[in-house]
C-alpha atoms as a PDB file:
ATOM      1  CA  MET A   1      -7.406  -5.365  -5.004  1.00  0.00           C
ATOM      2  CA  TYR A   2      -6.050  -2.027  -3.874  1.00  0.00           C
ATOM      3  CA  PHE A   3      -4.488  -1.051  -0.569  1.00  0.00           C
ATOM      4  CA  ILE A   4      -3.156   2.050   1.162  1.00  0.00           C
ATOM      5  CA  CYS A   5       0.567   2.357   1.713  1.00  0.00           C
ATOM      6  CA  GLU A   6       1.138   2.583   5.457  1.00  0.00           C
ATOM      7  CA  LYS A   7       4.259   4.664   4.929  1.00  0.00           C
ATOM      8  CA  CYS A   8       3.147   7.417   2.513  1.00  0.00           C
ATOM      9  CA  GLY A   9      -0.637   7.007   2.096  1.00  0.00           C
ATOM     10  CA  ALA A  10      -0.596   6.198  -1.634  1.00  0.00           C
ATOM     11  CA  ILE A  11      -3.201   3.857  -3.066  1.00  0.00           C
ATOM     12  CA  ASP A  12      -1.528   0.956  -4.866  1.00  0.00           C
ATOM     13  CA  ASP A  13      -2.577  -2.231  -6.619  1.00  0.00           C
ATOM     14  CA  SER A  14      -1.662  -5.491  -4.876  1.00  0.00           C
ATOM     15  CA  LYS A  15      -0.661  -6.989  -8.248  1.00  0.00           C
ATOM     16  CA  ARG A  16       2.232  -4.547  -8.686  1.00  0.00           C
ATOM     17  CA  GLU A  17       5.855  -4.714  -7.500  1.00  0.00           C
ATOM     18  CA  ASN A  18       5.270  -4.021  -3.796  1.00  0.00           C
ATOM     19  CA  ASN A  19       5.375  -5.912  -0.501  1.00  0.00           C
ATOM     20  CA  PHE A  20       1.609  -6.636  -0.230  1.00  0.00           C
ATOM     21  CA  ILE A  21       1.783 -10.434  -0.626  1.00  0.00           C
ATOM     22  CA  ASN A  22       4.868 -10.686   1.609  1.00  0.00           C
ATOM     23  CA  VAL A  23       3.053  -8.925   4.468  1.00  0.00           C
ATOM     24  CA  LEU A  24      -0.308 -10.628   3.889  1.00  0.00           C
ATOM     25  CA  TYR A  25       1.254 -14.094   4.185  1.00  0.00           C
ATOM     26  CA  ASN A  26       3.973 -13.213   6.733  1.00  0.00           C
ATOM     27  CA  PHE A  27       6.845 -14.251   4.458  1.00  0.00           C
ATOM     28  CA  GLU A  28       9.287 -11.951   6.323  1.00  0.00           C
ATOM     29  CA  ASN A  29      11.510 -11.478   3.270  1.00  0.00           C
ATOM     30  CA  TYR A  30      12.931  -8.098   4.294  1.00  0.00           C
ATOM     31  CA  SER A  31      15.828  -7.194   6.581  1.00  0.00           C
ATOM     32  CA  GLU A  32      13.988  -4.263   8.140  1.00  0.00           C
ATOM     33  CA  GLU A  33      11.120  -5.543  10.271  1.00  0.00           C
ATOM     34  CA  TYR A  34       8.876  -2.572   9.368  1.00  0.00           C
ATOM     35  CA  TYR A  35       8.496  -3.850   5.789  1.00  0.00           C
ATOM     36  CA  ASN A  36       7.540  -7.324   6.983  1.00  0.00           C
ATOM     37  CA  LYS A  37       4.598  -5.944   8.979  1.00  0.00           C
ATOM     38  CA  HIS A  38       3.314  -2.902   7.032  1.00  0.00           C
ATOM     39  CA  PHE A  39       1.810  -2.669   3.560  1.00  0.00           C
ATOM     40  CA  CYS A  40       3.930  -0.401   1.375  1.00  0.00           C
ATOM     41  CA  CYS A  41       3.420   0.858  -2.157  1.00  0.00           C
ATOM     42  CA  THR A  42       5.838   0.063  -4.944  1.00  0.00           C
ATOM     43  CA  GLU A  43       7.821   3.232  -4.312  1.00  0.00           C
ATOM     44  CA  CYS A  44       8.150   2.677  -0.549  1.00  0.00           C
ATOM     45  CA  SER A  45       8.828  -1.079  -0.704  1.00  0.00           C
ATOM     46  CA  PRO A  46      12.495  -2.110  -0.314  1.00  0.00           C
ATOM     47  CA  ARG A  47      14.694  -2.587  -3.368  1.00  0.00           C
ATOM     48  CA  LYS A  48      16.236  -5.787  -1.967  1.00  0.00           C
ATOM     49  CA  TYR A  49      15.124  -8.842  -0.047  1.00  0.00           C
ATOM     50  CA  LYS A  50      17.132  -9.845   3.010  1.00  0.00           C
ATOM     51  CA  ASP A  51      18.959 -12.499   0.964  1.00  0.00           C
ATOM     52  CA  GLY A  52      20.306  -9.738  -1.317  1.00  0.00           C
ATOM     53  CA  VAL A  53      18.079 -10.459  -4.319  1.00  0.00           C
ATOM     54  CA  TRP A  54      16.864  -7.274  -6.017  1.00  0.00           C
ATOM     55  CA  THR A  55      13.123  -6.553  -6.166  1.00  0.00           C
ATOM     56  CA  LEU A  56      11.255  -4.514  -8.767  1.00  0.00           C
ATOM     57  CA  SER A  57      10.332  -1.995  -6.059  1.00  0.00           C
ATOM     58  CA  GLY A  58      11.838   1.332  -5.099  1.00  0.00           C
ATOM     59  CA  SER A  59      10.126   3.583  -7.607  1.00  0.00           C
ATOM     60  CA  TRP A  60       6.530   4.142  -8.713  1.00  0.00           C
ATOM     61  CA  HIS A  61       5.419   1.687 -11.413  1.00  0.00           C
ATOM     62  CA  ASN A  62       3.497   4.208 -13.575  1.00  0.00           C
ATOM     63  CA  TYR A  63       0.699   1.757 -14.403  1.00  0.00           C
ATOM     64  CA  PHE A  64      -1.525   4.556 -13.091  1.00  0.00           C
ATOM     65  CA  LYS A  65      -0.997   7.996 -11.613  1.00  0.00           C
ATOM     66  CA  LYS A  66       0.056   7.989  -7.962  1.00  0.00           C
ATOM     67  CA  LYS A  67      -2.841   9.137  -5.798  1.00  0.00           C
ATOM     68  CA  TYR A  68      -3.163   9.403  -2.023  1.00  0.00           C
ATOM     69  CA  TYR A  69      -6.174   8.221  -0.035  1.00  0.00           C
ATOM     70  CA  TYR A  70      -6.751  11.678   1.474  1.00  0.00           C
ATOM     71  CA  GLU A  71      -7.148  13.197  -2.004  1.00  0.00           C
ATOM     72  CA  LEU A  72     -10.311  11.178  -2.628  1.00  0.00           C
ATOM     73  CA  ASP A  73     -13.796  12.409  -1.886  1.00  0.00           C
ATOM     74  CA  TYR A  74     -14.956  10.844   1.409  1.00  0.00           C
ATOM     75  CA  ASP A  75     -18.107   9.265  -0.056  1.00  0.00           C
ATOM     76  CA  ILE A  76     -16.211   7.699  -2.961  1.00  0.00           C
ATOM     77  CA  PHE A  77     -13.509   6.425  -0.605  1.00  0.00           C
ATOM     78  CA  LYS A  78     -16.137   5.009   1.775  1.00  0.00           C
ATOM     79  CA  ASP A  79     -17.872   3.155  -1.072  1.00  0.00           C
ATOM     80  CA  LEU A  80     -14.569   1.645  -2.235  1.00  0.00           C
ATOM     81  CA  VAL A  81     -13.760   0.467   1.293  1.00  0.00           C
ATOM     82  CA  GLU A  82     -17.244  -0.909   2.006  1.00  0.00           C
ATOM     83  CA  ASN A  83     -17.234  -2.817  -1.300  1.00  0.00           C
ATOM     84  CA  GLY A  84     -13.917  -4.454  -0.377  1.00  0.00           C
ATOM     85  CA  GLN A  85     -11.882  -2.749  -3.081  1.00  0.00           C
ATOM     86  CA  ILE A  86      -9.324  -1.263  -0.657  1.00  0.00           C
ATOM     87  CA  TYR A  87      -7.946  -4.021   1.571  1.00  0.00           C
ATOM     88  CA  ASN A  88      -6.837  -1.964   4.581  1.00  0.00           C
ATOM     89  CA  GLY A  89      -9.069   1.049   3.981  1.00  0.00           C
ATOM     90  CA  LYS A  90     -11.273   0.836   7.088  1.00  0.00           C
ATOM     91  CA  LYS A  91      -8.650   2.268   9.420  1.00  0.00           C
ATOM     92  CA  TYR A  92      -8.293   5.309   7.133  1.00  0.00           C
ATOM     93  CA  LEU A  93     -12.014   6.210   6.974  1.00  0.00           C
ATOM     94  CA  LYS A  94     -11.899   8.379  10.110  1.00  0.00           C
ATOM     95  CA  LYS A  95      -8.688  10.069   8.992  1.00  0.00           C
ATOM     96  CA  ILE A  96     -10.128  11.107   5.631  1.00  0.00           C
ATOM     97  CA  LYS A  97     -13.383  12.323   7.200  1.00  0.00           C
ATOM     98  CA  TYR A  98     -11.535  14.652   9.561  1.00  0.00           C
ATOM     99  CA  ASN A  99      -9.401  16.038   6.741  1.00  0.00           C
ATOM    100  CA  LYS A 100     -12.459  17.730   5.203  1.00  0.00           C
END
């Protein structure tokens, strides 16, 4: 499943080195509260957990090219959201429509 980074707007895969699972299940593993409540891509996710353990985050993973939600065609983006392929995409539908 994909999601939109709430910090930079990148589309990322929830299976990569980001904070998606931590936020989804309220694990609260980060010192800064923002990262415990907002989905962030691999690049925007913190490099360390609050206990000091290093994460694999902090830079883009390069499994695919970094792309932002507002770069997508509205109809394609809408289809992805309506088919459940972008977890938090609904709140970005209006934003992308007005960017045209």
